[in-house]
C-alpha atoms as a PDB file:
ATOM      1  CA  MET A   1      27.772-181.996-305.206  1.00  0.00           C
ATOM      2  CA  LYS A   2      29.003-179.770-307.841  1.00  0.00           C
ATOM      3  CA  ASP A   3      29.867-181.546-311.601  1.00  0.00           C
ATOM      4  CA  ASN A   4      33.047-180.386-312.467  1.00  0.00           C
ATOM      5  CA  SER A   5      32.057-181.399-315.984  1.00  0.00           C
ATOM      6  CA  ILE A   6      29.580-178.097-316.342  1.00  0.00           C
ATOM      7  CA  THR A   7      30.600-174.254-316.262  1.00  0.00           C
ATOM      8  CA  PRO A   8      28.535-172.712-313.106  1.00  0.00           C
ATOM      9  CA  LEU A   9      26.666-169.316-314.476  1.00  0.00           C
ATOM     10  CA  VAL A  10      27.548-166.464-312.525  1.00  0.00           C
ATOM     11  CA  SER A  11      26.490-162.926-312.474  1.00  0.00           C
ATOM     12  CA  ILE A  12      28.265-159.871-311.991  1.00  0.00           C
ATOM     13  CA  ILE A  13      26.173-157.085-311.037  1.00  0.00           C
ATOM     14  CA  THR A  14      27.578-153.400-312.022  1.00  0.00           C
ATOM     15  CA  VAL A  15      26.157-150.726-309.229  1.00  0.00           C
ATOM     16  CA  VAL A  16      26.496-146.465-310.983  1.00  0.00           C
ATOM     17  CA  TYR A  17      25.201-143.362-310.418  1.00  0.00           C
ATOM     18  CA  ASN A  18      26.748-140.800-312.494  1.00  0.00           C
ATOM     19  CA  GLY A  19      29.447-142.542-312.760  1.00  0.00           C
ATOM     20  CA  GLU A  20      30.756-141.672-316.621  1.00  0.00           C
ATOM     21  CA  LYS A  21      34.385-140.991-315.555  1.00  0.00           C
ATOM     22  CA  TYR A  22      35.309-144.692-314.957  1.00  0.00           C
ATOM     23  CA  LEU A  23      32.173-146.866-316.309  1.00  0.00           C
ATOM     24  CA  GLU A  24      33.535-148.038-319.486  1.00  0.00           C
ATOM     25  CA  GLN A  25      36.572-149.450-317.545  1.00  0.00           C
ATOM     26  CA  THR A  26      34.444-151.416-315.454  1.00  0.00           C
ATOM     27  CA  ILE A  27      32.871-153.019-317.987  1.00  0.00           C
ATOM     28  CA  GLN A  28      35.699-153.785-319.909  1.00  0.00           C
ATOM     29  CA  SER A  29      37.046-155.557-317.172  1.00  0.00           C
ATOM     30  CA  VAL A  30      33.844-157.584-317.135  1.00  0.00           C
ATOM     31  CA  ILE A  31      32.923-158.218-320.596  1.00  0.00           C
ATOM     32  CA  ASN A  32      36.708-159.026-321.080  1.00  0.00           C
ATOM     33  CA  GLN A  33      36.871-161.728-318.191  1.00  0.00           C
ATOM     34  CA  THR A  34      38.706-165.271-319.793  1.00  0.00           C
ATOM     35  CA  TYR A  35      35.723-167.045-317.787  1.00  0.00           C
ATOM     36  CA  LYS A  36      32.580-166.202-320.465  1.00  0.00           C
ATOM     37  CA  ASN A  37      29.497-167.959-318.801  1.00  0.00           C
ATOM     38  CA  ILE A  38      28.639-164.821-317.302  1.00  0.00           C
ATOM     39  CA  GLU A  39      25.518-162.832-316.931  1.00  0.00           C
ATOM     40  CA  TYR A  40      26.278-159.168-316.260  1.00  0.00           C
ATOM     41  CA  ILE A  41      23.321-157.165-314.836  1.00  0.00           C
ATOM     42  CA  ILE A  42      24.094-153.239-314.520  1.00  0.00           C
ATOM     43  CA  ILE A  43      22.188-151.145-312.222  1.00  0.00           C
ATOM     44  CA  ASP A  44      21.521-147.133-312.107  1.00  0.00           C
ATOM     45  CA  GLY A  45      20.155-145.110-310.298  1.00  0.00           C
ATOM     46  CA  GLY A  46      18.826-142.539-312.300  1.00  0.00           C
ATOM     47  CA  SER A  47      21.557-140.871-313.670  1.00  0.00           C
ATOM     48  CA  THR A  48      21.878-137.411-315.786  1.00  0.00           C
ATOM     49  CA  ASP A  49      25.518-137.613-317.111  1.00  0.00           C
ATOM     50  CA  GLY A  50      26.735-139.414-319.516  1.00  0.00           C
ATOM     51  CA  THR A  51      26.642-143.005-317.714  1.00  0.00           C
ATOM     52  CA  LEU A  52      23.511-143.863-320.076  1.00  0.00           C
ATOM     53  CA  ASP A  53      25.217-143.488-323.353  1.00  0.00           C
ATOM     54  CA  ILE A  54      28.210-145.485-322.052  1.00  0.00           C
ATOM     55  CA  VAL A  55      25.823-148.539-320.493  1.00  0.00           C
ATOM     56  CA  LYS A  56      24.030-148.269-324.258  1.00  0.00           C
ATOM     57  CA  LYS A  57      27.681-148.663-326.446  1.00  0.00           C
ATOM     58  CA  TYR A  58      28.332-151.918-324.490  1.00  0.00           C
ATOM     59  CA  GLU A  59      24.600-152.853-324.476  1.00  0.00           C
ATOM     60  CA  GLU A  60      25.284-156.313-326.566  1.00  0.00           C
ATOM     61  CA  HIS A  61      27.526-157.624-323.648  1.00  0.00           C
ATOM     62  CA  VAL A  62      24.975-156.643-321.018  1.00  0.00           C
ATOM     63  CA  SER A  63      22.722-159.377-319.471  1.00  0.00           C
ATOM     64  CA  TYR A  64      19.859-156.815-318.024  1.00  0.00           C
ATOM     65  CA  TRP A  65      20.017-153.312-317.049  1.00  0.00           C
ATOM     66  CA  VAL A  66      17.904-150.817-315.430  1.00  0.00           C
ATOM     67  CA  SER A  67      18.088-146.945-315.168  1.00  0.00           C
ATOM     68  CA  GLU A  68      15.581-146.162-312.121  1.00  0.00           C
ATOM     69  CA  PRO A  69      15.786-144.066-308.869  1.00  0.00           C
ATOM     70  CA  ASP A  70      16.759-145.911-305.458  1.00  0.00           C
ATOM     71  CA  LYS A  71      17.332-146.050-302.086  1.00  0.00           C
ATOM     72  CA  GLY A  72      21.237-145.976-302.816  1.00  0.00           C
ATOM     73  CA  LEU A  73      24.134-148.122-303.045  1.00  0.00           C
ATOM     74  CA  TYR A  74      23.258-150.938-300.996  1.00  0.00           C
ATOM     75  CA  ASP A  75      19.347-150.786-302.375  1.00  0.00           C
ATOM     76  CA  ALA A  76      20.589-151.325-305.482  1.00  0.00           C
ATOM     77  CA  MET A  77      22.912-153.756-304.830  1.00  0.00           C
ATOM     78  CA  ASN A  78      20.181-155.693-303.528  1.00  0.00           C
ATOM     79  CA  LYS A  79      18.066-155.059-306.236  1.00  0.00           C
ATOM     80  CA  GLY A  80      20.898-156.315-308.315  1.00  0.00           C
ATOM     81  CA  ILE A  81      20.707-159.918-306.198  1.00  0.00           C
ATOM     82  CA  GLY A  82      17.340-160.627-306.743  1.00  0.00           C
ATOM     83  CA  LEU A  83      17.474-159.918-310.760  1.00  0.00           C
ATOM     84  CA  ALA A  84      20.629-162.339-310.619  1.00  0.00           C
ATOM     85  CA  ASN A  85      20.362-165.543-312.219  1.00  0.00           C
ATOM     86  CA  GLY A  86      23.926-166.894-311.240  1.00  0.00           C
ATOM     87  CA  GLU A  87      24.965-169.775-308.659  1.00  0.00           C
ATOM     88  CA  LEU A  88      27.954-167.351-307.764  1.00  0.00           C
ATOM     89  CA  ILE A  89      27.672-163.825-307.580  1.00  0.00           C
ATOM     90  CA  GLY A  90      30.088-160.458-307.635  1.00  0.00           C
ATOM     91  CA  MET A  91      29.477-157.168-307.162  1.00  0.00           C
ATOM     92  CA  ILE A  92      31.975-154.362-308.781  1.00  0.00           C
ATOM     93  CA  ASN A  93      30.934-150.895-308.828  1.00  0.00           C
ATOM     94  CA  SER A  94      31.802-148.564-311.326  1.00  0.00           C
ATOM     95  CA  ASP A  95      34.471-146.896-309.585  1.00  0.00           C
ATOM     96  CA  ASP A  96      36.059-150.110-309.423  1.00  0.00           C
ATOM     97  CA  TRP A  97      37.371-153.112-312.141  1.00  0.00           C
ATOM     98  CA  TYR A  98      38.360-156.450-312.324  1.00  0.00           C
ATOM     99  CA  GLU A  99      41.804-158.643-312.895  1.00  0.00           C
ATOM    100  CA  LEU A 100      40.662-160.329-316.441  1.00  0.00           C
ATOM    101  CA  ASN A 101      41.113-164.260-315.018  1.00  0.00           C
ATOM    102  CA  VAL A 102      39.266-163.650-311.546  1.00  0.00           C
ATOM    103  CA  VAL A 103      35.698-164.850-312.859  1.00  0.00           C
ATOM    104  CA  GLU A 104      38.089-168.248-313.516  1.00  0.00           C
ATOM    105  CA  LEU A 105      40.137-168.271-310.622  1.00  0.00           C
ATOM    106  CA  MET A 106      36.717-167.818-308.220  1.00  0.00           C
ATOM    107  CA  VAL A 107      34.804-170.497-310.104  1.00  0.00           C
ATOM    108  CA  LYS A 108      37.831-173.003-310.134  1.00  0.00           C
ATOM    109  CA  ALA A 109      37.662-171.959-306.339  1.00  0.00           C
ATOM    110  CA  TYR A 110      33.831-172.541-306.258  1.00  0.00           C
ATOM    111  CA  ILE A 111      33.727-175.999-307.950  1.00  0.00           C
ATOM    112  CA  ASN A 112      36.645-177.503-305.708  1.00  0.00           C
ATOM    113  CA  ASN A 113      35.051-175.929-302.602  1.00  0.00           C
ATOM    114  CA  PRO A 114      31.987-177.102-302.366  1.00  0.00           C
ATOM    115  CA  THR A 115      31.093-176.507-298.728  1.00  0.00           C
ATOM    116  CA  LYS A 116      32.306-172.734-298.708  1.00  0.00           C
ATOM    117  CA  ARG A 117      29.536-170.288-299.452  1.00  0.00           C
ATOM    118  CA  ILE A 118      31.826-166.617-299.443  1.00  0.00           C
ATOM    119  CA  PHE A 119      34.864-166.295-301.608  1.00  0.00           C
ATOM    120  CA  HIS A 120      37.338-163.891-301.736  1.00  0.00           C
ATOM    121  CA  ALA A 121      40.708-162.283-302.062  1.00  0.00           C
ATOM    122  CA  ASP A 122      43.570-159.178-302.303  1.00  0.00           C
ATOM    123  CA  ARG A 123      42.453-156.046-304.377  1.00  0.00           C
ATOM    124  CA  TYR A 124      44.889-153.263-305.540  1.00  0.00           C
ATOM    125  CA  ASP A 125      44.581-150.160-303.771  1.00  0.00           C
ATOM    126  CA  ILE A 126      44.193-147.415-306.153  1.00  0.00           C
ATOM    127  CA  ASP A 127      44.569-143.676-304.846  1.00  0.00           C
ATOM    128  CA  GLU A 128      44.012-140.156-306.353  1.00  0.00           C
ATOM    129  CA  ASN A 129      47.613-139.981-308.608  1.00  0.00           C
ATOM    130  CA  GLY A 130      47.261-143.769-310.614  1.00  0.00           C
ATOM    131  CA  ASN A 131      49.481-145.180-307.949  1.00  0.00           C
ATOM    132  CA  LYS A 132      48.348-148.968-306.800  1.00  0.00           C
ATOM    133  CA  LYS A 133      49.617-150.686-303.769  1.00  0.00           C
ATOM    134  CA  ILE A 134      48.177-153.937-303.116  1.00  0.00           C
ATOM    135  CA  LYS A 135      45.786-154.641-299.858  1.00  0.00           C
ATOM    136  CA  LYS A 136      46.009-158.017-298.214  1.00  0.00           C
ATOM    137  CA  PHE A 137      43.292-160.041-297.007  1.00  0.00           C
ATOM    138  CA  HIS A 138      43.885-159.916-292.721  1.00  0.00           C
ATOM    139  CA  PRO A 139      43.167-163.309-291.020  1.00  0.00           C
ATOM    140  CA  SER A 140      42.986-161.949-287.092  1.00  0.00           C
ATOM    141  CA  GLU A 141      39.527-162.551-286.218  1.00  0.00           C
ATOM    142  CA  PHE A 142      40.505-160.023-283.526  1.00  0.00           C
ATOM    143  CA  LYS A 143      41.100-157.144-285.625  1.00  0.00           C
ATOM    144  CA  PHE A 144      38.225-157.610-287.894  1.00  0.00           C
ATOM    145  CA  LYS A 145      35.101-158.318-285.303  1.00  0.00           C
ATOM    146  CA  TYR A 146      36.709-155.688-283.205  1.00  0.00           C
ATOM    147  CA  TYR A 147      38.944-152.783-285.281  1.00  0.00           C
ATOM    148  CA  GLY A 148      37.127-152.895-289.013  1.00  0.00           C
ATOM    149  CA  MET A 149      36.550-154.866-292.352  1.00  0.00           C
ATOM    150  CA  THR A 150      39.684-157.205-293.126  1.00  0.00           C
ATOM    151  CA  TYR A 151      37.845-159.043-295.754  1.00  0.00           C
ATOM    152  CA  ASN A 152      38.059-156.912-299.661  1.00  0.00           C
ATOM    153  CA  HIS A 153      34.444-156.812-300.455  1.00  0.00           C
ATOM    154  CA  PRO A 154      35.364-155.642-304.346  1.00  0.00           C
ATOM    155  CA  SER A 155      36.816-159.047-304.754  1.00  0.00           C
ATOM    156  CA  MET A 156      34.205-161.389-303.206  1.00  0.00           C
ATOM    157  CA  PHE A 157      32.001-163.744-305.064  1.00  0.00           C
ATOM    158  CA  ILE A 158      28.850-164.955-303.384  1.00  0.00           C
ATOM    159  CA  THR A 159      26.682-167.196-303.318  1.00  0.00           C
ATOM    160  CA  LYS A 160      23.124-167.205-304.672  1.00  0.00           C
ATOM    161  CA  GLU A 161      22.204-169.161-301.515  1.00  0.00           C
ATOM    162  CA  GLU A 162      23.946-167.573-298.780  1.00  0.00           C
ATOM    163  CA  TYR A 163      22.376-164.229-300.482  1.00  0.00           C
ATOM    164  CA  SER A 164      19.103-165.737-299.827  1.00  0.00           C
ATOM    165  CA  LYS A 165      19.843-166.022-295.824  1.00  0.00           C
ATOM    166  CA  HIS A 166      20.471-161.983-295.898  1.00  0.00           C
ATOM    167  CA  LEU A 167      21.312-159.315-298.097  1.00  0.00           C
ATOM    168  CA  TYR A 168      22.632-155.312-297.320  1.00  0.00           C
ATOM    169  CA  ASN A 169      21.199-153.525-294.808  1.00  0.00           C
ATOM    170  CA  THR A 170      19.664-150.683-296.681  1.00  0.00           C
ATOM    171  CA  ASN A 171      19.624-148.141-293.460  1.00  0.00           C
ATOM    172  CA  LEU A 172      23.632-148.014-293.351  1.00  0.00           C
ATOM    173  CA  GLN A 173      25.434-145.228-294.923  1.00  0.00           C
ATOM    174  CA  ALA A 174      28.970-147.051-295.682  1.00  0.00           C
ATOM    175  CA  LEU A 175      29.319-150.303-293.798  1.00  0.00           C
ATOM    176  CA  SER A 176      26.793-152.454-295.061  1.00  0.00           C
ATOM    177  CA  ASP A 177      29.017-155.027-296.754  1.00  0.00           C
ATOM    178  CA  PHE A 178      30.440-155.401-293.438  1.00  0.00           C
ATOM    179  CA  GLN A 179      28.022-156.038-291.685  1.00  0.00           C
ATOM    180  CA  PHE A 180      26.852-158.661-294.654  1.00  0.00           C
ATOM    181  CA  VAL A 181      30.190-160.426-293.806  1.00  0.00           C
ATOM    182  CA  LEU A 182      30.172-160.350-290.373  1.00  0.00           C
ATOM    183  CA  GLU A 183      26.825-161.722-289.871  1.00  0.00           C
ATOM    184  CA  GLY A 184      28.157-164.679-292.316  1.00  0.00           C
ATOM    185  CA  TYR A 185      31.288-165.204-290.095  1.00  0.00           C
ATOM    186  CA  LEU A 186      29.573-165.398-286.736  1.00  0.00           C
ATOM    187  CA  LYS A 187      27.344-167.719-287.697  1.00  0.00           C
ATOM    188  CA  ASP A 188      29.799-169.797-289.618  1.00  0.00           C
ATOM    189  CA  LYS A 189      32.954-168.785-290.673  1.00  0.00           C
ATOM    190  CA  SER A 190      33.660-172.022-292.184  1.00  0.00           C
ATOM    191  CA  ILE A 191      31.563-170.793-295.361  1.00  0.00           C
ATOM    192  CA  PHE A 192      34.781-168.636-296.009  1.00  0.00           C
ATOM    193  CA  PHE A 193      37.615-169.108-298.877  1.00  0.00           C
ATOM    194  CA  TYR A 194      40.179-166.641-299.577  1.00  0.00           C
ATOM    195  CA  ILE A 195      42.666-166.711-302.758  1.00  0.00           C
ATOM    196  CA  ASP A 196      46.053-165.145-302.491  1.00  0.00           C
ATOM    197  CA  GLU A 197      46.453-163.131-305.019  1.00  0.00           C
ATOM    198  CA  ALA A 198      45.312-159.519-305.857  1.00  0.00           C
ATOM    199  CA  LEU A 199      41.819-159.461-308.519  1.00  0.00           C
ATOM    200  CA  VAL A 200      40.082-155.909-308.264  1.00  0.00           C
ATOM    201  CA  ASN A 201      41.406-152.865-308.089  1.00  0.00           C
ATOM    202  CA  TYR A 202      39.707-151.006-305.965  1.00  0.00           C
ATOM    203  CA  ARG A 203      39.554-146.392-306.296  1.00  0.00           C
ATOM    204  CA  LEU A 204      40.177-145.262-302.338  1.00  0.00           C
ATOM    205  CA  ASP A 205      37.337-141.648-303.049  1.00  0.00           C
ATOM    206  CA  GLY A 206      34.692-144.625-301.968  1.00  0.00           C
ATOM    207  CA  ILE A 207      32.334-143.418-298.518  1.00  0.00           C
ATOM    208  CA  SER A 208      33.469-145.507-296.338  1.00  0.00           C
ATOM    209  CA  ALA A 209      37.561-144.903-297.633  1.00  0.00           C
ATOM    210  CA  GLN A 210      35.968-140.874-296.669  1.00  0.00           C
ATOM    211  CA  MET A 211      33.781-141.851-293.255  1.00  0.00           C
ATOM    212  CA  GLN A 212      34.752-139.319-290.124  1.00  0.00           C
ATOM    213  CA  LEU A 213      35.542-141.116-286.845  1.00  0.00           C
ATOM    214  CA  LEU A 214      32.269-140.534-285.110  1.00  0.00           C
ATOM    215  CA  THR A 215      30.261-141.698-288.360  1.00  0.00           C
ATOM    216  CA  ALA A 216      32.436-145.066-288.465  1.00  0.00           C
ATOM    217  CA  LEU A 217      31.862-145.728-284.495  1.00  0.00           C
ATOM    218  CA  LYS A 218      28.082-145.457-284.395  1.00  0.00           C
ATOM    219  CA  GLU A 219      28.042-147.733-287.945  1.00  0.00           C
ATOM    220  CA  GLY A 220      30.624-149.768-286.422  1.00  0.00           C
ATOM    221  CA  TYR A 221      28.503-150.572-283.522  1.00  0.00           C
ATOM    222  CA  ARG A 222      25.379-150.636-285.526  1.00  0.00           C
ATOM    223  CA  SER A 223      26.817-152.875-288.270  1.00  0.00           C
ATOM    224  CA  ARG A 224      27.770-155.287-285.284  1.00  0.00           C
ATOM    225  CA  LYS A 225      24.585-155.435-283.541  1.00  0.00           C
ATOM    226  CA  ASN A 226      23.588-155.866-286.827  1.00  0.00           C
ATOM    227  CA  ALA A 227      25.083-158.994-287.127  1.00  0.00           C
ATOM    228  CA  GLY A 228      24.491-160.383-283.698  1.00  0.00           C
ATOM    229  CA  MET A 229      27.625-159.562-281.568  1.00  0.00           C
ATOM    230  CA  ILE A 230      26.855-159.339-278.332  1.00  0.00           C
ATOM    231  CA  LEU A 231      26.974-156.377-276.132  1.00  0.00           C
ATOM    232  CA  HIS A 232      30.170-156.669-274.284  1.00  0.00           C
ATOM    233  CA  GLU A 233      32.313-156.857-277.637  1.00  0.00           C
ATOM    234  CA  ASN A 234      30.719-154.163-279.560  1.00  0.00           C
ATOM    235  CA  ILE A 235      32.027-151.579-276.759  1.00  0.00           C
ATOM    236  CA  LEU A 236      34.653-153.314-277.072  1.00  0.00           C
ATOM    237  CA  SER A 237      35.025-152.431-280.192  1.00  0.00           C
ATOM    238  CA  ILE A 238      34.282-149.042-279.798  1.00  0.00           C
ATOM    239  CA  LEU A 239      37.117-148.334-277.333  1.00  0.00           C
ATOM    240  CA  VAL A 240      40.076-150.411-279.980  1.00  0.00           C
ATOM    241  CA  ARG A 241      39.106-147.979-282.212  1.00  0.00           C
ATOM    242  CA  LEU A 242      39.132-145.010-280.133  1.00  0.00           C
ATOM    243  CA  ALA A 243      42.564-146.725-278.721  1.00  0.00           C
ATOM    244  CA  MET A 244      43.610-146.821-282.591  1.00  0.00           C
ATOM    245  CA  PHE A 245      42.855-143.160-283.408  1.00  0.00           C
ATOM    246  CA  ALA A 246      44.801-141.811-281.050  1.00  0.00           C
ATOM    247  CA  ILE A 247      47.836-143.884-281.507  1.00  0.00           C
ATOM    248  CA  ASN A 248      48.195-142.632-285.072  1.00  0.00           C
ATOM    249  CA  LYS A 249      47.438-139.376-284.117  1.00  0.00           C
ATOM    250  CA  VAL A 250      50.450-139.425-281.625  1.00  0.00           C
ATOM    251  CA  ARG A 251      52.655-141.174-285.049  1.00  0.00           C
ATOM    252  CA  ASN A 252      51.572-138.313-287.463  1.00  0.00           C
END
């Protein structure tokens, strides 16, 4: 049982590589949180632009940072998780930024719901022109299992306990977060807790946003298989994706 009189340590991890364009906004959204018991970790993949100058500018607010080559986004995320000491761990990549009360709300939910291990919310999608549109969590189990990610991974705060059970698959290009969430869901869907509010800002120029259909189908199949989905359900997911692709093509 958690002690409500104690403010738990929260670890926030930022993974970055040549991210000077937006990194400062990301950092400021962490260090200006209304909740203060935060351990901030920055994992840089060996940037060659001005990223490290920005990190050093805010070094007094950063608990730990490292700059060295890695095997990609998910390898860097796993590295950060291994370094984290917090009971709750949030991931905010260098293209994105938090609303300033996100940690406070997540900690409140964590304290009040001791059986939950994955806390999530809505997000704001930001297009290339800076326009903002809310992306709600979609509660449909069918859509999540057979079509694609309905949870907003950038909004997630996940317990250290959950990360001790499984990490991100470094062999996937873009859907390792989907595999991670699906794996947790298939084992015990009761571990999720939803906050009905947009708490993170997500730029739509990431890898997963740009995936082509064939790549998405292959990665989707592998991620579902790795998460423990049985074969006939995985095949159904491919058929659903193809059907939706055809429908959207006709509409457009």
